[in-house]
């Protein structure tokens, strides 16, 4: 086994495992039940009750996001970083990774801190807690939407780069492009908030794309091309 193939296979593992786990983990996102949020004191108590679970969950998710980004950079290298489409994909995916850390940090670490401020003085925090959580929720929605759209654009760029290549890579690129377009369409037409179920419906297409890319890397079937 050559050194390049060994590196590619390591990158393939870094792509495949996070892609597979991400969908499963999102479906187990910690959720505060509405019945536990009667008043500021109960809301703060509910947030505090799931605080540790929330931190661990989002910490693991952010690790998976970073690991998968590293693996996909190796995928982009094999496509050829001299190509404009490939560099565009790297830019889009890099931005999406940075933006994905923002909602993950807010939801996983900032929100529990907001709830903990109310312990012992629910009356004083009543006026600020609801407003702070509303702002945090809006920020999470906005950053998540933009990050997912940029991620889909990255996969679409790499798919077009594959489609402009030769032989079987052309068909892989066409199929990948279709997988990348679906999340963009869902995000563009969506009229509801992104909850764990909606998020899973969106990222499953990107997860399938990523796992296919990992298989291509593992099997050493990617060839750089001189097209854009």
Protein backbone atom coordinates (compact mmCIF):
# COMPACT_ATOMS: atom_id res chain seq x y z
CA UNK A 1 0.00 0.00 0.00
CA UNK A 2 1.46 3.37 -1.03
CA UNK A 3 1.70 6.30 1.36
CA UNK A 4 -0.87 8.25 -0.68
CA UNK A 5 -3.39 5.41 -0.59
CA UNK A 6 -2.84 4.98 3.14
CA UNK A 7 -3.53 8.70 3.69
CA UNK A 8 -6.60 8.57 1.46
CA UNK A 9 -8.02 5.63 3.40
CA UNK A 10 -7.44 7.40 6.70
CA UNK A 11 -9.28 10.41 5.29
CA UNK A 12 -12.07 8.13 4.08
CA UNK A 13 -12.59 6.89 7.64
CA UNK A 14 -12.64 10.51 8.88
CA UNK A 15 -15.44 11.21 6.42
CA UNK A 16 -17.51 8.03 6.62
CA UNK A 17 -17.84 7.60 10.39
CA UNK A 18 -18.89 11.21 11.21
CA UNK A 19 -21.32 11.23 8.26
CA UNK A 20 -22.94 8.03 9.48
CA UNK A 21 -23.05 9.06 13.14
CA UNK A 22 -24.31 12.59 12.51
CA UNK A 23 -27.78 11.52 11.36
CA UNK A 24 -28.20 9.10 14.26
CA UNK A 25 -26.99 11.62 16.83
CA UNK A 26 -29.20 14.44 15.56
CA UNK A 27 -32.25 12.25 16.11
CA UNK A 28 -31.18 11.98 19.77
CA UNK A 29 -30.77 15.73 20.26
CA UNK A 30 -31.61 16.69 23.89
CA UNK A 31 -35.04 18.32 24.00
CA UNK A 32 -36.68 20.33 26.77
CA UNK A 33 -40.30 19.23 27.03
CA UNK A 34 -42.89 22.01 26.82
CA UNK A 35 -44.58 20.70 29.93
CA UNK A 36 -41.44 21.54 31.89
CA UNK A 37 -41.41 25.22 30.93
CA UNK A 38 -44.27 26.70 32.98
CA UNK A 39 -42.78 30.00 34.14
CA UNK A 40 -39.19 31.20 34.39
CA UNK A 41 -38.31 29.11 37.43
CA UNK A 42 -39.52 25.88 35.82
CA UNK A 43 -37.84 26.84 32.54
CA UNK A 44 -34.51 27.43 34.27
CA UNK A 45 -34.87 24.17 36.17
CA UNK A 46 -35.62 22.29 32.95
CA UNK A 47 -32.60 23.79 31.20
CA UNK A 48 -30.42 22.93 34.17
CA UNK A 49 -31.69 19.35 34.20
CA UNK A 50 -30.47 18.65 30.66
CA UNK A 51 -27.43 20.97 30.77
CA UNK A 52 -24.79 18.24 31.09
CA UNK A 53 -26.42 16.11 28.41
CA UNK A 54 -26.66 19.15 26.13
CA UNK A 55 -22.98 20.06 26.55
CA UNK A 56 -21.78 16.51 25.90
CA UNK A 57 -24.04 16.10 22.88
CA UNK A 58 -23.00 19.34 21.19
CA UNK A 59 -19.36 18.82 22.07
CA UNK A 60 -19.40 15.47 20.29
CA UNK A 61 -21.28 16.91 17.31
CA UNK A 62 -18.71 19.69 16.91
CA UNK A 63 -15.87 17.15 17.03
CA UNK A 64 -17.58 15.15 14.26
CA UNK A 65 -18.03 18.33 12.19
CA UNK A 66 -14.32 19.18 12.49
CA UNK A 67 -13.14 15.63 11.78
CA UNK A 68 -15.34 15.31 8.69
CA UNK A 69 -14.11 18.67 7.38
CA UNK A 70 -10.52 17.41 7.66
CA UNK A 71 -11.38 14.27 5.73
CA UNK A 72 -13.21 16.17 3.00
CA UNK A 73 -10.21 18.46 2.55
CA UNK A 74 -8.23 15.36 1.58
CA UNK A 75 -11.03 14.48 -0.85
CA UNK A 76 -10.71 17.95 -2.39
CA UNK A 77 -6.94 17.50 -2.67
CA UNK A 78 -7.46 14.34 -4.69
CA UNK A 79 -9.86 16.20 -7.01
CA UNK A 80 -7.16 18.81 -7.55
CA UNK A 81 -6.88 22.06 -5.61
CA UNK A 82 -5.68 23.79 -8.76
CA UNK A 83 -9.25 23.62 -10.08
CA UNK A 84 -11.51 26.61 -9.43
CA UNK A 85 -14.56 24.48 -8.63
CA UNK A 86 -12.63 22.43 -6.10
CA UNK A 87 -11.25 25.55 -4.39
CA UNK A 88 -14.77 27.01 -4.31
CA UNK A 89 -15.96 23.85 -2.58
CA UNK A 90 -13.17 24.12 -0.01
CA UNK A 91 -14.13 27.75 0.66
CA UNK A 92 -17.84 26.96 1.02
CA UNK A 93 -17.22 23.97 3.27
CA UNK A 94 -14.73 25.85 5.41
CA UNK A 95 -17.23 28.67 5.95
CA UNK A 96 -20.00 26.18 6.71
CA UNK A 97 -17.81 24.47 9.32
CA UNK A 98 -17.06 27.77 11.07
CA UNK A 99 -20.73 28.77 10.99
CA UNK A 100 -21.83 25.35 12.28
CA UNK A 101 -19.72 25.91 15.38
CA UNK A 102 -21.78 29.01 16.21
CA UNK A 103 -25.21 27.35 16.66
CA UNK A 104 -23.51 24.37 18.28
CA UNK A 105 -21.85 26.64 20.82
CA UNK A 106 -24.98 28.68 21.47
CA UNK A 107 -27.29 25.68 21.82
CA UNK A 108 -24.85 23.48 23.69
CA UNK A 109 -23.04 25.91 25.98
CA UNK A 110 -24.62 29.39 26.00
CA UNK A 111 -28.22 28.26 26.58
CA UNK A 112 -27.36 26.18 29.69
CA UNK A 113 -25.51 29.20 31.10
CA UNK A 114 -28.56 31.39 30.52
CA UNK A 115 -30.69 28.94 32.47
CA UNK A 116 -28.19 28.68 35.30
CA UNK A 117 -28.36 32.46 35.88
CA UNK A 118 -31.95 32.07 37.11
CA UNK A 119 -31.25 29.62 39.88
CA UNK A 120 -32.08 31.26 43.19
CA UNK A 121 -33.57 34.44 41.71
CA UNK A 122 -36.26 33.54 39.22
CA UNK A 123 -38.15 36.80 39.75
CA UNK A 124 -35.29 39.01 38.62
CA UNK A 125 -34.45 36.86 35.61
CA UNK A 126 -38.05 36.46 34.43
CA UNK A 127 -37.87 39.56 32.24
CA UNK A 128 -34.58 38.64 30.62
CA UNK A 129 -34.61 34.85 30.32
CA UNK A 130 -37.40 34.57 27.75
CA UNK A 131 -35.94 37.36 25.64
CA UNK A 132 -32.43 35.90 25.78
CA UNK A 133 -33.63 32.44 24.83
CA UNK A 134 -35.69 33.85 21.96
CA UNK A 135 -32.62 35.64 20.60
CA UNK A 136 -30.51 32.50 21.05
CA UNK A 137 -33.12 30.41 19.21
CA UNK A 138 -33.24 32.89 16.31
CA UNK A 139 -29.43 32.92 16.07
CA UNK A 140 -29.32 29.12 16.07
CA UNK A 141 -31.89 28.96 13.28
CA UNK A 142 -30.11 31.56 11.14
CA UNK A 143 -26.57 30.18 11.53
CA UNK A 144 -27.71 26.58 11.01
CA UNK A 145 -29.60 27.47 7.83
CA UNK A 146 -26.68 29.38 6.33
CA UNK A 147 -24.17 26.68 7.34
CA UNK A 148 -26.26 23.90 5.78
CA UNK A 149 -26.71 25.92 2.58
CA UNK A 150 -22.96 26.56 2.30
CA UNK A 151 -22.27 22.90 2.96
CA UNK A 152 -24.64 21.90 0.16
CA UNK A 153 -22.99 24.44 -2.16
CA UNK A 154 -19.60 22.90 -1.36
CA UNK A 155 -20.85 19.41 -2.22
CA UNK A 156 -22.45 20.76 -5.39
CA UNK A 157 -19.17 22.41 -6.45
CA UNK A 158 -17.25 19.18 -5.93
CA UNK A 159 -19.98 17.24 -7.75
CA UNK A 160 -19.71 19.52 -10.78
CA UNK A 161 -15.93 19.09 -10.68
CA UNK A 162 -16.45 15.32 -10.79
CA UNK A 163 -19.03 15.62 -13.56
CA UNK A 164 -16.55 17.53 -15.70
CA UNK A 165 -14.02 14.75 -15.30
CA UNK A 166 -13.79 11.64 -17.42
CA UNK A 167 -15.13 8.10 -17.35
CA UNK A 168 -17.20 6.93 -14.36
CA UNK A 169 -16.44 10.08 -12.32
CA UNK A 170 -18.86 11.97 -14.57
CA UNK A 171 -21.77 9.81 -13.42
CA UNK A 172 -20.67 10.00 -9.80
CA UNK A 173 -20.66 13.79 -10.13
CA UNK A 174 -24.15 13.88 -11.62
CA UNK A 175 -25.56 11.71 -8.82
CA UNK A 176 -23.71 13.76 -6.24
CA UNK A 177 -25.07 16.98 -7.70
CA UNK A 178 -28.62 15.69 -7.32
CA UNK A 179 -27.93 14.80 -3.67
CA UNK A 180 -26.50 18.28 -3.05
CA UNK A 181 -29.38 20.12 -4.71
CA UNK A 182 -32.06 18.51 -2.54
CA UNK A 183 -30.94 20.19 0.73
CA UNK A 184 -30.73 23.53 -1.06
CA UNK A 185 -34.28 23.10 -2.28
CA UNK A 186 -35.49 22.08 1.18
CA UNK A 187 -33.82 25.08 2.82
CA UNK A 188 -35.13 27.47 0.18
CA UNK A 189 -38.74 26.36 0.45
CA UNK A 190 -38.94 25.46 4.13
CA UNK A 191 -41.67 27.26 6.08
CA UNK A 192 -40.96 25.79 9.52
CA UNK A 193 -38.21 25.95 12.10
CA UNK A 194 -35.26 23.57 11.98
CA UNK A 195 -35.82 21.05 14.75
CA UNK A 196 -33.90 17.76 15.18
CA UNK A 197 -36.23 15.86 12.84
CA UNK A 198 -36.05 18.50 10.10
CA UNK A 199 -32.28 18.69 10.52
CA UNK A 200 -31.99 14.92 10.09
CA UNK A 201 -34.11 15.08 6.93
CA UNK A 202 -31.72 17.66 5.48
CA UNK A 203 -28.37 16.21 6.48
CA UNK A 204 -29.20 12.65 5.44
CA UNK A 205 -28.62 13.69 1.80
CA UNK A 206 -25.30 15.29 2.69
CA UNK A 207 -24.39 12.24 4.77
CA UNK A 208 -25.05 9.91 1.80
CA UNK A 209 -22.90 12.19 -0.40
CA UNK A 210 -20.07 12.16 2.14
CA UNK A 211 -20.16 8.39 2.62
CA UNK A 212 -20.01 7.92 -1.16
CA UNK A 213 -17.01 10.27 -1.29
CA UNK A 214 -15.35 8.23 1.46
CA UNK A 215 -15.86 5.02 -0.53
CA UNK A 216 -14.31 6.68 -3.59
CA UNK A 217 -11.28 7.72 -1.55
CA UNK A 218 -10.92 4.28 0.02
CA UNK A 219 -11.05 2.51 -3.32
CA UNK A 220 -8.54 4.94 -4.88
CA UNK A 221 -10.85 5.73 -7.78
CA UNK A 222 -10.52 9.54 -7.84
CA UNK A 223 -8.36 11.02 -10.55
CA UNK A 224 -7.46 14.70 -10.77
CA UNK A 225 -8.59 16.41 -13.95
CA UNK A 226 -7.55 19.57 -15.76
CA UNK A 227 -11.09 20.85 -16.17
CA UNK A 228 -12.25 23.82 -14.09
